Amino acid sequence: MPGMAWLSIAIVAEVIATTALKASDGFRHITPSVITALGYGIAFWCMSQAMRTVPVGLAYAIWSGVGIVLITAIAWVLYRQQIDTAGLIGIGLILAGVVVIQVFSKATA
């Protein structure tokens, strides 16, 4: 499987794990706590597979950038987290950075 496919799976697993972490309420609820542990385990394993072909700096930039954007969107929908104008601009810049890496970087696999 190509490195970017592994990276995509890692991102999804990390976003699921982080969403479950909030729902675990400090690991007081078993089901979201188990989802958190499994999600992070899957995320890190898939990330390690991605890094076999994707340079570590680019893999981490894409993983964290996309993760931030997705978690913010999920928090806005599920937890009614408010996002102000500065937050939206920041999220837009992060998203733009990920797009620039994907479209213009010759270092991605």
PDB file of N, CA and C in Angstrom:
ATOM      1  N   MET A   1       0.862  -1.179   0.000  1.00  0.00           N
ATOM      2  CA  MET A   1       0.000   0.000   0.000  1.00  0.00           C
ATOM      3  C   MET A   1       0.902   1.235   0.000  1.00  0.00           C
ATOM      4  N   PRO A   2       0.587   2.234  -0.811  1.00  0.00           N
ATOM      5  CA  PRO A   2       1.409   3.460  -0.853  1.00  0.00           C
ATOM      6  C   PRO A   2       1.406   4.196   0.489  1.00  0.00           C
ATOM      7  N   GLY A   3       2.492   4.936   0.712  1.00  0.00           N
ATOM      8  CA  GLY A   3       2.658   5.660   1.965  1.00  0.00           C
ATOM      9  C   GLY A   3       1.529   6.626   2.274  1.00  0.00           C
ATOM     10  N   MET A   4       1.017   7.300   1.270  1.00  0.00           N
ATOM     11  CA  MET A   4      -0.055   8.266   1.513  1.00  0.00           C
ATOM     12  C   MET A   4      -1.359   7.565   1.905  1.00  0.00           C
ATOM     13  N   ALA A   5      -1.571   6.351   1.456  1.00  0.00           N
ATOM     14  CA  ALA A   5      -2.749   5.590   1.884  1.00  0.00           C
ATOM     15  C   ALA A   5      -2.631   5.237   3.364  1.00  0.00           C
ATOM     16  N   TRP A   6      -1.431   4.783   3.780  1.00  0.00           N
ATOM     17  CA  TRP A   6      -1.201   4.507   5.202  1.00  0.00           C
ATOM     18  C   TRP A   6      -1.394   5.775   6.024  1.00  0.00           C
ATOM     19  N   LEU A   7      -0.913   6.877   5.510  1.00  0.00           N
ATOM     20  CA  LEU A   7      -1.037   8.148   6.216  1.00  0.00           C
ATOM     21  C   LEU A   7      -2.512   8.543   6.361  1.00  0.00           C
ATOM     22  N   SER A   8      -3.294   8.331   5.341  1.00  0.00           N
ATOM     23  CA  SER A   8      -4.731   8.641   5.403  1.00  0.00           C
ATOM     24  C   SER A   8      -5.433   7.810   6.467  1.00  0.00           C
ATOM     25  N   ILE A   9      -5.107   6.530   6.538  1.00  0.00           N
ATOM     26  CA  ILE A   9      -5.697   5.665   7.557  1.00  0.00           C
ATOM     27  C   ILE A   9      -5.263   6.127   8.947  1.00  0.00           C
ATOM     28  N   ALA A  10      -3.995   6.514   9.075  1.00  0.00           N
ATOM     29  CA  ALA A  10      -3.494   7.008  10.360  1.00  0.00           C
ATOM     30  C   ALA A  10      -4.249   8.253  10.804  1.00  0.00           C
ATOM     31  N   ILE A  11      -4.522   9.136   9.874  1.00  0.00           N
ATOM     32  CA  ILE A  11      -5.254  10.375  10.190  1.00  0.00           C
ATOM     33  C   ILE A  11      -6.665  10.051  10.665  1.00  0.00           C
ATOM     34  N   VAL A  12      -7.354   9.191   9.945  1.00  0.00           N
ATOM     35  CA  VAL A  12      -8.724   8.832  10.323  1.00  0.00           C
ATOM     36  C   VAL A  12      -8.742   8.172  11.702  1.00  0.00           C
ATOM     37  N   ALA A  13      -7.812   7.245  11.945  1.00  0.00           N
ATOM     38  CA  ALA A  13      -7.754   6.557  13.238  1.00  0.00           C
ATOM     39  C   ALA A  13      -7.461   7.543  14.365  1.00  0.00           C
ATOM     40  N   GLU A  14      -6.576   8.495  14.128  1.00  0.00           N
ATOM     41  CA  GLU A  14      -6.242   9.488  15.153  1.00  0.00           C
ATOM     42  C   GLU A  14      -7.421  10.403  15.444  1.00  0.00           C
ATOM     43  N   VAL A  15      -8.151  10.789  14.422  1.00  0.00           N
ATOM     44  CA  VAL A  15      -9.319  11.651  14.609  1.00  0.00           C
ATOM     45  C   VAL A  15     -10.408  10.907  15.389  1.00  0.00           C
ATOM     46  N   ILE A  16     -10.631   9.654  15.068  1.00  0.00           N
ATOM     47  CA  ILE A  16     -11.598   8.848  15.819  1.00  0.00           C
ATOM     48  C   ILE A  16     -11.154   8.722  17.273  1.00  0.00           C
ATOM     49  N   ALA A  17      -9.872   8.442  17.490  1.00  0.00           N
ATOM     50  CA  ALA A  17      -9.351   8.288  18.847  1.00  0.00           C
ATOM     51  C   ALA A  17      -9.475   9.580  19.647  1.00  0.00           C
ATOM     52  N   THR A  18      -9.171  10.699  19.046  1.00  0.00           N
ATOM     53  CA  THR A  18      -9.255  11.977  19.750  1.00  0.00           C
ATOM     54  C   THR A  18     -10.706  12.335  20.070  1.00  0.00           C
ATOM     55  N   THR A  19     -11.601  12.049  19.156  1.00  0.00           N
ATOM     56  CA  THR A  19     -13.021  12.291  19.412  1.00  0.00           C
ATOM     57  C   THR A  19     -13.507  11.411  20.566  1.00  0.00           C
ATOM     58  N   ALA A  20     -13.079  10.154  20.568  1.00  0.00           N
ATOM     59  CA  ALA A  20     -13.450   9.242  21.658  1.00  0.00           C
ATOM     60  C   ALA A  20     -12.807   9.668  22.975  1.00  0.00           C
ATOM     61  N   LEU A  21     -11.617  10.245  22.914  1.00  0.00           N
ATOM     62  CA  LEU A  21     -10.945  10.705  24.129  1.00  0.00           C
ATOM     63  C   LEU A  21     -11.785  11.749  24.852  1.00  0.00           C
ATOM     64  N   LYS A  22     -12.355  12.670  24.106  1.00  0.00           N
ATOM     65  CA  LYS A  22     -13.241  13.669  24.700  1.00  0.00           C
ATOM     66  C   LYS A  22     -14.453  12.981  25.338  1.00  0.00           C
ATOM     67  N   ALA A  23     -15.015  12.004  24.620  1.00  0.00           N
ATOM     68  CA  ALA A  23     -16.196  11.300  25.115  1.00  0.00           C
ATOM     69  C   ALA A  23     -15.887  10.394  26.315  1.00  0.00           C
ATOM     70  N   SER A  24     -14.619  10.021  26.491  1.00  0.00           N
ATOM     71  CA  SER A  24     -14.259   9.126  27.601  1.00  0.00           C
ATOM     72  C   SER A  24     -14.356   9.813  28.962  1.00  0.00           C
ATOM     73  N   ASP A  25     -14.386  11.145  28.970  1.00  0.00           N
ATOM     74  CA  ASP A  25     -14.493  11.918  30.207  1.00  0.00           C
ATOM     75  C   ASP A  25     -13.401  11.519  31.201  1.00  0.00           C
ATOM     76  N   GLY A  26     -12.161  11.651  30.749  1.00  0.00           N
ATOM     77  CA  GLY A  26     -11.033  11.317  31.620  1.00  0.00           C
ATOM     78  C   GLY A  26     -10.895   9.821  31.852  1.00  0.00           C
ATOM     79  N   PHE A  27     -11.230   9.022  30.873  1.00  0.00           N
ATOM     80  CA  PHE A  27     -11.203   7.557  30.928  1.00  0.00           C
ATOM     81  C   PHE A  27     -12.182   6.995  31.964  1.00  0.00           C
ATOM     82  N   ARG A  28     -13.268   7.698  32.197  1.00  0.00           N
ATOM     83  CA  ARG A  28     -14.302   7.229  33.124  1.00  0.00           C
ATOM     84  C   ARG A  28     -15.331   6.332  32.438  1.00  0.00           C
ATOM     85  N   HIS A  29     -15.410   6.420  31.111  1.00  0.00           N
ATOM     86  CA  HIS A  29     -16.369   5.608  30.349  1.00  0.00           C
ATOM     87  C   HIS A  29     -15.588   4.597  29.516  1.00  0.00           C
ATOM     88  N   ILE A  30     -15.894   3.323  29.688  1.00  0.00           N
ATOM     89  CA  ILE A  30     -15.082   2.251  29.130  1.00  0.00           C
ATOM     90  C   ILE A  30     -15.082   2.210  27.600  1.00  0.00           C
ATOM     91  N   THR A  31     -16.240   2.310  26.972  1.00  0.00           N
ATOM     92  CA  THR A  31     -16.287   2.158  25.510  1.00  0.00           C
ATOM     93  C   THR A  31     -15.469   3.226  24.794  1.00  0.00           C
ATOM     94  N   PRO A  32     -15.662   4.516  25.078  1.00  0.00           N
ATOM     95  CA  PRO A  32     -14.812   5.492  24.396  1.00  0.00           C
ATOM     96  C   PRO A  32     -13.335   5.379  24.803  1.00  0.00           C
ATOM     97  N   SER A  33     -13.065   4.891  26.004  1.00  0.00           N
ATOM     98  CA  SER A  33     -11.674   4.704  26.431  1.00  0.00           C
ATOM     99  C   SER A  33     -10.994   3.616  25.605  1.00  0.00           C
ATOM    100  N   VAL A  34     -11.704   2.530  25.353  1.00  0.00           N
ATOM    101  CA  VAL A  34     -11.168   1.443  24.525  1.00  0.00           C
ATOM    102  C   VAL A  34     -10.988   1.922  23.085  1.00  0.00           C
ATOM    103  N   ILE A  35     -11.969   2.658  22.568  1.00  0.00           N
ATOM    104  CA  ILE A  35     -11.852   3.210  21.206  1.00  0.00           C
ATOM    105  C   ILE A  35     -10.638   4.133  21.116  1.00  0.00           C
ATOM    106  N   THR A  36     -10.399   4.921  22.151  1.00  0.00           N
ATOM    107  CA  THR A  36      -9.240   5.815  22.178  1.00  0.00           C
ATOM    108  C   THR A  36      -7.945   5.026  22.087  1.00  0.00           C
ATOM    109  N   ALA A  37      -7.802   4.029  22.936  1.00  0.00           N
ATOM    110  CA  ALA A  37      -6.565   3.235  22.956  1.00  0.00           C
ATOM    111  C   ALA A  37      -6.340   2.515  21.627  1.00  0.00           C
ATOM    112  N   LEU A  38      -7.382   1.881  21.114  1.00  0.00           N
ATOM    113  CA  LEU A  38      -7.252   1.182  19.836  1.00  0.00           C
ATOM    114  C   LEU A  38      -6.979   2.158  18.692  1.00  0.00           C
ATOM    115  N   GLY A  39      -7.687   3.266  18.694  1.00  0.00           N
ATOM    116  CA  GLY A  39      -7.510   4.258  17.630  1.00  0.00           C
ATOM    117  C   GLY A  39      -6.099   4.803  17.567  1.00  0.00           C
ATOM    118  N   TYR A  40      -5.548   5.158  18.742  1.00  0.00           N
ATOM    119  CA  TYR A  40      -4.176   5.663  18.745  1.00  0.00           C
ATOM    120  C   TYR A  40      -3.177   4.575  18.366  1.00  0.00           C
ATOM    121  N   GLY A  41      -3.439   3.341  18.807  1.00  0.00           N
ATOM    122  CA  GLY A  41      -2.554   2.237  18.416  1.00  0.00           C
ATOM    123  C   GLY A  41      -2.537   2.049  16.910  1.00  0.00           C
ATOM    124  N   ILE A  42      -3.715   2.031  16.315  1.00  0.00           N
ATOM    125  CA  ILE A  42      -3.822   1.896  14.854  1.00  0.00           C
ATOM    126  C   ILE A  42      -3.172   3.097  14.164  1.00  0.00           C
ATOM    127  N   ALA A  43      -3.423   4.291  14.684  1.00  0.00           N
ATOM    128  CA  ALA A  43      -2.874   5.504  14.072  1.00  0.00           C
ATOM    129  C   ALA A  43      -1.345   5.468  14.048  1.00  0.00           C
ATOM    130  N   PHE A  44      -0.741   5.120  15.177  1.00  0.00           N
ATOM    131  CA  PHE A  44       0.719   5.113  15.220  1.00  0.00           C
ATOM    132  C   PHE A  44       1.310   3.991  14.377  1.00  0.00           C
ATOM    133  N   TRP A  45       0.645   2.834  14.339  1.00  0.00           N
ATOM    134  CA  TRP A  45       1.156   1.755  13.506  1.00  0.00           C
ATOM    135  C   TRP A  45       1.085   2.148  12.031  1.00  0.00           C
ATOM    136  N   CYS A  46      -0.052   2.705  11.615  1.00  0.00           N
ATOM    137  CA  CYS A  46      -0.191   3.136  10.219  1.00  0.00           C
ATOM    138  C   CYS A  46       0.776   4.267   9.888  1.00  0.00           C
ATOM    139  N   MET A  47       0.985   5.163  10.846  1.00  0.00           N
ATOM    140  CA  MET A  47       1.950   6.247  10.632  1.00  0.00           C
ATOM    141  C   MET A  47       3.353   5.671  10.425  1.00  0.00           C
ATOM    142  N   SER A  48       3.694   4.637  11.189  1.00  0.00           N
ATOM    143  CA  SER A  48       5.016   4.016  11.022  1.00  0.00           C
ATOM    144  C   SER A  48       5.151   3.381   9.643  1.00  0.00           C
ATOM    145  N   GLN A  49       4.065   2.834   9.119  1.00  0.00           N
ATOM    146  CA  GLN A  49       4.094   2.269   7.771  1.00  0.00           C
ATOM    147  C   GLN A  49       4.234   3.376   6.730  1.00  0.00           C
ATOM    148  N   ALA A  50       3.539   4.476   6.941  1.00  0.00           N
ATOM    149  CA  ALA A  50       3.627   5.604   6.004  1.00  0.00           C
ATOM    150  C   ALA A  50       5.052   6.140   5.943  1.00  0.00           C
ATOM    151  N   MET A  51       5.715   6.197   7.103  1.00  0.00           N
ATOM    152  CA  MET A  51       7.055   6.773   7.158  1.00  0.00           C
ATOM    153  C   MET A  51       8.120   5.895   6.505  1.00  0.00           C
ATOM    154  N   ARG A  52       7.739   4.718   6.056  1.00  0.00           N
ATOM    155  CA  ARG A  52       8.682   3.901   5.301  1.00  0.00           C
ATOM    156  C   ARG A  52       8.982   4.547   3.950  1.00  0.00           C
ATOM    157  N   THR A  53       8.008   5.322   3.428  1.00  0.00           N
ATOM    158  CA  THR A  53       8.207   5.959   2.121  1.00  0.00           C
ATOM    159  C   THR A  53       7.997   7.471   2.135  1.00  0.00           C
ATOM    160  N   VAL A  54       7.235   7.968   3.093  1.00  0.00           N
ATOM    161  CA  VAL A  54       6.971   9.407   3.170  1.00  0.00           C
ATOM    162  C   VAL A  54       7.951  10.014   4.176  1.00  0.00           C
ATOM    163  N   PRO A  55       8.672  11.071   3.807  1.00  0.00           N
ATOM    164  CA  PRO A  55       9.602  11.701   4.747  1.00  0.00           C
ATOM    165  C   PRO A  55       8.897  12.125   6.040  1.00  0.00           C
ATOM    166  N   VAL A  56       9.577  11.936   7.155  1.00  0.00           N
ATOM    167  CA  VAL A  56       8.965  12.150   8.467  1.00  0.00           C
ATOM    168  C   VAL A  56       8.386  13.557   8.635  1.00  0.00           C
ATOM    169  N   GLY A  57       9.087  14.570   8.198  1.00  0.00           N
ATOM    170  CA  GLY A  57       8.610  15.938   8.345  1.00  0.00           C
ATOM    171  C   GLY A  57       7.323  16.182   7.578  1.00  0.00           C
ATOM    172  N   LEU A  58       7.270  15.680   6.362  1.00  0.00           N
ATOM    173  CA  LEU A  58       6.059  15.845   5.553  1.00  0.00           C
ATOM    174  C   LEU A  58       4.913  15.003   6.097  1.00  0.00           C
ATOM    175  N   ALA A  59       5.214  13.778   6.504  1.00  0.00           N
ATOM    176  CA  ALA A  59       4.167  12.915   7.068  1.00  0.00           C
ATOM    177  C   ALA A  59       3.557  13.566   8.295  1.00  0.00           C
ATOM    178  N   TYR A  60       4.390  14.086   9.171  1.00  0.00           N
ATOM    179  CA  TYR A  60       3.878  14.690  10.394  1.00  0.00           C
ATOM    180  C   TYR A  60       3.122  15.982  10.109  1.00  0.00           C
ATOM    181  N   ALA A  61       3.611  16.769   9.164  1.00  0.00           N
ATOM    182  CA  ALA A  61       2.919  18.016   8.812  1.00  0.00           C
ATOM    183  C   ALA A  61       1.525  17.725   8.269  1.00  0.00           C
ATOM    184  N   ILE A  62       1.418  16.746   7.400  1.00  0.00           N
ATOM    185  CA  ILE A  62       0.115  16.398   6.827  1.00  0.00           C
ATOM    186  C   ILE A  62      -0.780  15.782   7.899  1.00  0.00           C
ATOM    187  N   TRP A  63      -0.228  14.867   8.692  1.00  0.00           N
ATOM    188  CA  TRP A  63      -1.006  14.184   9.733  1.00  0.00           C
ATOM    189  C   TRP A  63      -1.572  15.192  10.744  1.00  0.00           C
ATOM    190  N   SER A  64      -0.708  16.041  11.223  1.00  0.00           N
ATOM    191  CA  SER A  64      -1.168  16.996  12.239  1.00  0.00           C
ATOM    192  C   SER A  64      -2.085  18.058  11.632  1.00  0.00           C
ATOM    193  N   GLY A  65      -1.764  18.547  10.448  1.00  0.00           N
ATOM    194  CA  GLY A  65      -2.582  19.585   9.820  1.00  0.00           C
ATOM    195  C   GLY A  65      -3.982  19.107   9.495  1.00  0.00           C
ATOM    196  N   VAL A  66      -4.090  17.980   8.844  1.00  0.00           N
ATOM    197  CA  VAL A  66      -5.410  17.444   8.504  1.00  0.00           C
ATOM    198  C   VAL A  66      -6.152  17.063   9.780  1.00  0.00           C
ATOM    199  N   GLY A  67      -5.428  16.495  10.747  1.00  0.00           N
ATOM    200  CA  GLY A  67      -6.044  16.132  12.018  1.00  0.00           C
ATOM    201  C   GLY A  67      -6.636  17.333  12.734  1.00  0.00           C
ATOM    202  N   ILE A  68      -5.907  18.435  12.757  1.00  0.00           N
ATOM    203  CA  ILE A  68      -6.397  19.663  13.394  1.00  0.00           C
ATOM    204  C   ILE A  68      -7.679  20.147  12.724  1.00  0.00           C
ATOM    205  N   VAL A  69      -7.684  20.169  11.415  1.00  0.00           N
ATOM    206  CA  VAL A  69      -8.860  20.643  10.680  1.00  0.00           C
ATOM    207  C   VAL A  69     -10.063  19.730  10.947  1.00  0.00           C
ATOM    208  N   LEU A  70      -9.854  18.424  10.881  1.00  0.00           N
ATOM    209  CA  LEU A  70     -10.968  17.497  11.092  1.00  0.00           C
ATOM    210  C   LEU A  70     -11.475  17.525  12.527  1.00  0.00           C
ATOM    211  N   ILE A  71     -10.567  17.539  13.500  1.00  0.00           N
ATOM    212  CA  ILE A  71     -10.978  17.571  14.905  1.00  0.00           C
ATOM    213  C   ILE A  71     -11.740  18.863  15.211  1.00  0.00           C
ATOM    214  N   THR A  72     -11.290  19.966  14.655  1.00  0.00           N
ATOM    215  CA  THR A  72     -11.990  21.229  14.868  1.00  0.00           C
ATOM    216  C   THR A  72     -13.405  21.169  14.299  1.00  0.00           C
ATOM    217  N   ALA A  73     -13.549  20.598  13.106  1.00  0.00           N
ATOM    218  CA  ALA A  73     -14.872  20.467  12.497  1.00  0.00           C
ATOM    219  C   ALA A  73     -15.773  19.547  13.330  1.00  0.00           C
ATOM    220  N   ILE A  74     -15.221  18.447  13.794  1.00  0.00           N
ATOM    221  CA  ILE A  74     -15.999  17.509  14.615  1.00  0.00           C
ATOM    222  C   ILE A  74     -16.390  18.153  15.937  1.00  0.00           C
ATOM    223  N   ALA A  75     -15.460  18.872  16.563  1.00  0.00           N
ATOM    224  CA  ALA A  75     -15.762  19.554  17.831  1.00  0.00           C
ATOM    225  C   ALA A  75     -16.848  20.604  17.635  1.00  0.00           C
ATOM    226  N   TRP A  76     -16.845  21.266  16.508  1.00  0.00           N
ATOM    227  CA  TRP A  76     -17.864  22.269  16.203  1.00  0.00           C
ATOM    228  C   TRP A  76     -19.252  21.616  16.087  1.00  0.00           C
ATOM    229  N   VAL A  77     -19.298  20.445  15.421  1.00  0.00           N
ATOM    230  CA  VAL A  77     -20.573  19.758  15.207  1.00  0.00           C
ATOM    231  C   VAL A  77     -21.033  19.006  16.456  1.00  0.00           C
ATOM    232  N   LEU A  78     -20.168  18.154  17.016  1.00  0.00           N
ATOM    233  CA  LEU A  78     -20.571  17.283  18.129  1.00  0.00           C
ATOM    234  C   LEU A  78     -20.639  17.993  19.477  1.00  0.00           C
ATOM    235  N   TYR A  79     -19.655  18.849  19.730  1.00  0.00           N
ATOM    236  CA  TYR A  79     -19.535  19.465  21.055  1.00  0.00           C
ATOM    237  C   TYR A  79     -19.889  20.944  21.065  1.00  0.00           C
ATOM    238  N   ARG A  80     -20.361  21.430  19.907  1.00  0.00           N
ATOM    239  CA  ARG A  80     -20.781  22.835  19.786  1.00  0.00           C
ATOM    240  C   ARG A  80     -19.682  23.819  20.186  1.00  0.00           C
ATOM    241  N   GLN A  81     -18.432  23.434  19.911  1.00  0.00           N
ATOM    242  CA  GLN A  81     -17.298  24.318  20.166  1.00  0.00           C
ATOM    243  C   GLN A  81     -17.379  25.507  19.221  1.00  0.00           C
ATOM    244  N   GLN A  82     -17.263  26.686  19.760  1.00  0.00           N
ATOM    245  CA  GLN A  82     -17.332  27.904  18.949  1.00  0.00           C
ATOM    246  C   GLN A  82     -15.970  28.170  18.292  1.00  0.00           C
ATOM    247  N   ILE A  83     -16.013  28.636  17.054  1.00  0.00           N
ATOM    248  CA  ILE A  83     -14.805  28.986  16.316  1.00  0.00           C
ATOM    249  C   ILE A  83     -14.956  30.440  15.887  1.00  0.00           C
ATOM    250  N   ASP A  84     -14.037  31.294  16.358  1.00  0.00           N
ATOM    251  CA  ASP A  84     -14.117  32.705  15.987  1.00  0.00           C
ATOM    252  C   ASP A  84     -13.397  32.953  14.668  1.00  0.00           C
ATOM    253  N   THR A  85     -13.416  34.199  14.242  1.00  0.00           N
ATOM    254  CA  THR A  85     -12.808  34.555  12.957  1.00  0.00           C
ATOM    255  C   THR A  85     -11.329  34.219  12.917  1.00  0.00           C
ATOM    256  N   ALA A  86     -10.602  34.532  13.980  1.00  0.00           N
ATOM    257  CA  ALA A  86      -9.169  34.215  14.012  1.00  0.00           C
ATOM    258  C   ALA A  86      -8.946  32.708  13.909  1.00  0.00           C
ATOM    259  N   GLY A  87      -9.800  31.939  14.581  1.00  0.00           N
ATOM    260  CA  GLY A  87      -9.701  30.485  14.505  1.00  0.00           C
ATOM    261  C   GLY A  87      -9.945  29.969  13.094  1.00  0.00           C
ATOM    262  N   LEU A  88     -10.961  30.525  12.439  1.00  0.00           N
ATOM    263  CA  LEU A  88     -11.244  30.122  11.063  1.00  0.00           C
ATOM    264  C   LEU A  88     -10.105  30.474  10.117  1.00  0.00           C
ATOM    265  N   ILE A  89      -9.520  31.638  10.308  1.00  0.00           N
ATOM    266  CA  ILE A  89      -8.378  32.035   9.475  1.00  0.00           C
ATOM    267  C   ILE A  89      -7.211  31.082   9.699  1.00  0.00           C
ATOM    268  N   GLY A  90      -6.947  30.770  10.971  1.00  0.00           N
ATOM    269  CA  GLY A  90      -5.865  29.838  11.290  1.00  0.00           C
ATOM    270  C   GLY A  90      -6.085  28.470  10.682  1.00  0.00           C
ATOM    271  N   ILE A  91      -7.303  27.956  10.799  1.00  0.00           N
ATOM    272  CA  ILE A  91      -7.645  26.657  10.204  1.00  0.00           C
ATOM    273  C   ILE A  91      -7.478  26.717   8.689  1.00  0.00           C
ATOM    274  N   GLY A  92      -7.902  27.811   8.098  1.00  0.00           N
ATOM    275  CA  GLY A  92      -7.729  27.977   6.648  1.00  0.00           C
ATOM    276  C   GLY A  92      -6.265  27.965   6.236  1.00  0.00           C
ATOM    277  N   LEU A  93      -5.417  28.614   7.035  1.00  0.00           N
ATOM    278  CA  LEU A  93      -3.984  28.618   6.730  1.00  0.00           C
ATOM    279  C   LEU A  93      -3.373  27.221   6.871  1.00  0.00           C
ATOM    280  N   ILE A  94      -3.814  26.484   7.886  1.00  0.00           N
ATOM    281  CA  ILE A  94      -3.333  25.107   8.050  1.00  0.00           C
ATOM    282  C   ILE A  94      -3.738  24.273   6.846  1.00  0.00           C
ATOM    283  N   LEU A  95      -4.994  24.375   6.469  1.00  0.00           N
ATOM    284  CA  LEU A  95      -5.488  23.635   5.309  1.00  0.00           C
ATOM    285  C   LEU A  95      -4.737  24.035   4.041  1.00  0.00           C
ATOM    286  N   ALA A  96      -4.489  25.315   3.880  1.00  0.00           N
ATOM    287  CA  ALA A  96      -3.722  25.784   2.714  1.00  0.00           C
ATOM    288  C   ALA A  96      -2.317  25.198   2.718  1.00  0.00           C
ATOM    289  N   GLY A  97      -1.702  25.116   3.881  1.00  0.00           N
ATOM    290  CA  GLY A  97      -0.372  24.534   3.989  1.00  0.00           C
ATOM    291  C   GLY A  97      -0.352  23.071   3.575  1.00  0.00           C
ATOM    292  N   VAL A  98      -1.347  22.314   3.992  1.00  0.00           N
ATOM    293  CA  VAL A  98      -1.430  20.899   3.603  1.00  0.00           C
ATOM    294  C   VAL A  98      -1.625  20.781   2.097  1.00  0.00           C
ATOM    295  N   VAL A  99      -2.454  21.630   1.515  1.00  0.00           N
ATOM    296  CA  VAL A  99      -2.676  21.605   0.063  1.00  0.00           C
ATOM    297  C   VAL A  99      -1.372  21.934  -0.673  1.00  0.00           C
ATOM    298  N   VAL A 100      -0.644  22.932  -0.204  1.00  0.00           N
ATOM    299  CA  VAL A 100       0.629  23.295  -0.840  1.00  0.00           C
ATOM    300  C   VAL A 100       1.594  22.112  -0.804  1.00  0.00           C
ATOM    301  N   ILE A 101       1.672  21.444   0.338  1.00  0.00           N
ATOM    302  CA  ILE A 101       2.555  20.268   0.442  1.00  0.00           C
ATOM    303  C   ILE A 101       2.124  19.198  -0.549  1.00  0.00           C
ATOM    304  N   GLN A 102       0.838  18.906  -0.590  1.00  0.00           N
ATOM    305  CA  GLN A 102       0.332  17.834  -1.466  1.00  0.00           C
ATOM    306  C   GLN A 102       0.513  18.166  -2.952  1.00  0.00           C
ATOM    307  N   VAL A 103       0.270  19.399  -3.310  1.00  0.00           N
ATOM    308  CA  VAL A 103       0.265  19.761  -4.722  1.00  0.00           C
ATOM    309  C   VAL A 103       1.663  20.108  -5.248  1.00  0.00           C
ATOM    310  N   PHE A 104       2.458  20.802  -4.440  1.00  0.00           N
ATOM    311  CA  PHE A 104       3.715  21.361  -4.957  1.00  0.00           C
ATOM    312  C   PHE A 104       4.983  20.687  -4.470  1.00  0.00           C
ATOM    313  N   SER A 105       4.926  19.951  -3.364  1.00  0.00           N
ATOM    314  CA  SER A 105       6.149  19.357  -2.844  1.00  0.00           C
ATOM    315  C   SER A 105       6.561  18.150  -3.676  1.00  0.00           C
ATOM    316  N   LYS A 106       7.830  18.103  -4.021  1.00  0.00           N
ATOM    317  CA  LYS A 106       8.361  16.966  -4.752  1.00  0.00           C
ATOM    318  C   LYS A 106       8.861  15.887  -3.791  1.00  0.00           C
ATOM    319  N   ALA A 107       8.797  16.151  -2.492  1.00  0.00           N
ATOM    320  CA  ALA A 107       9.300  15.201  -1.504  1.00  0.00           C
ATOM    321  C   ALA A 107       8.257  14.199  -1.050  1.00  0.00           C
ATOM    322  N   THR A 108       6.974  14.373  -1.432  1.00  0.00           N
ATOM    323  CA  THR A 108       5.951  13.407  -1.007  1.00  0.00           C
ATOM    324  C   THR A 108       6.012  12.166  -1.874  1.00  0.00           C
ATOM    325  N   ALA A 109       5.627  11.047  -1.271  1.00  0.00           N
ATOM    326  CA  ALA A 109       5.697   9.765  -1.989  1.00  0.00           C
ATOM    327  C   ALA A 109       4.428   9.527  -2.783  1.00  0.00           C
TER     328      ALA A 109
END
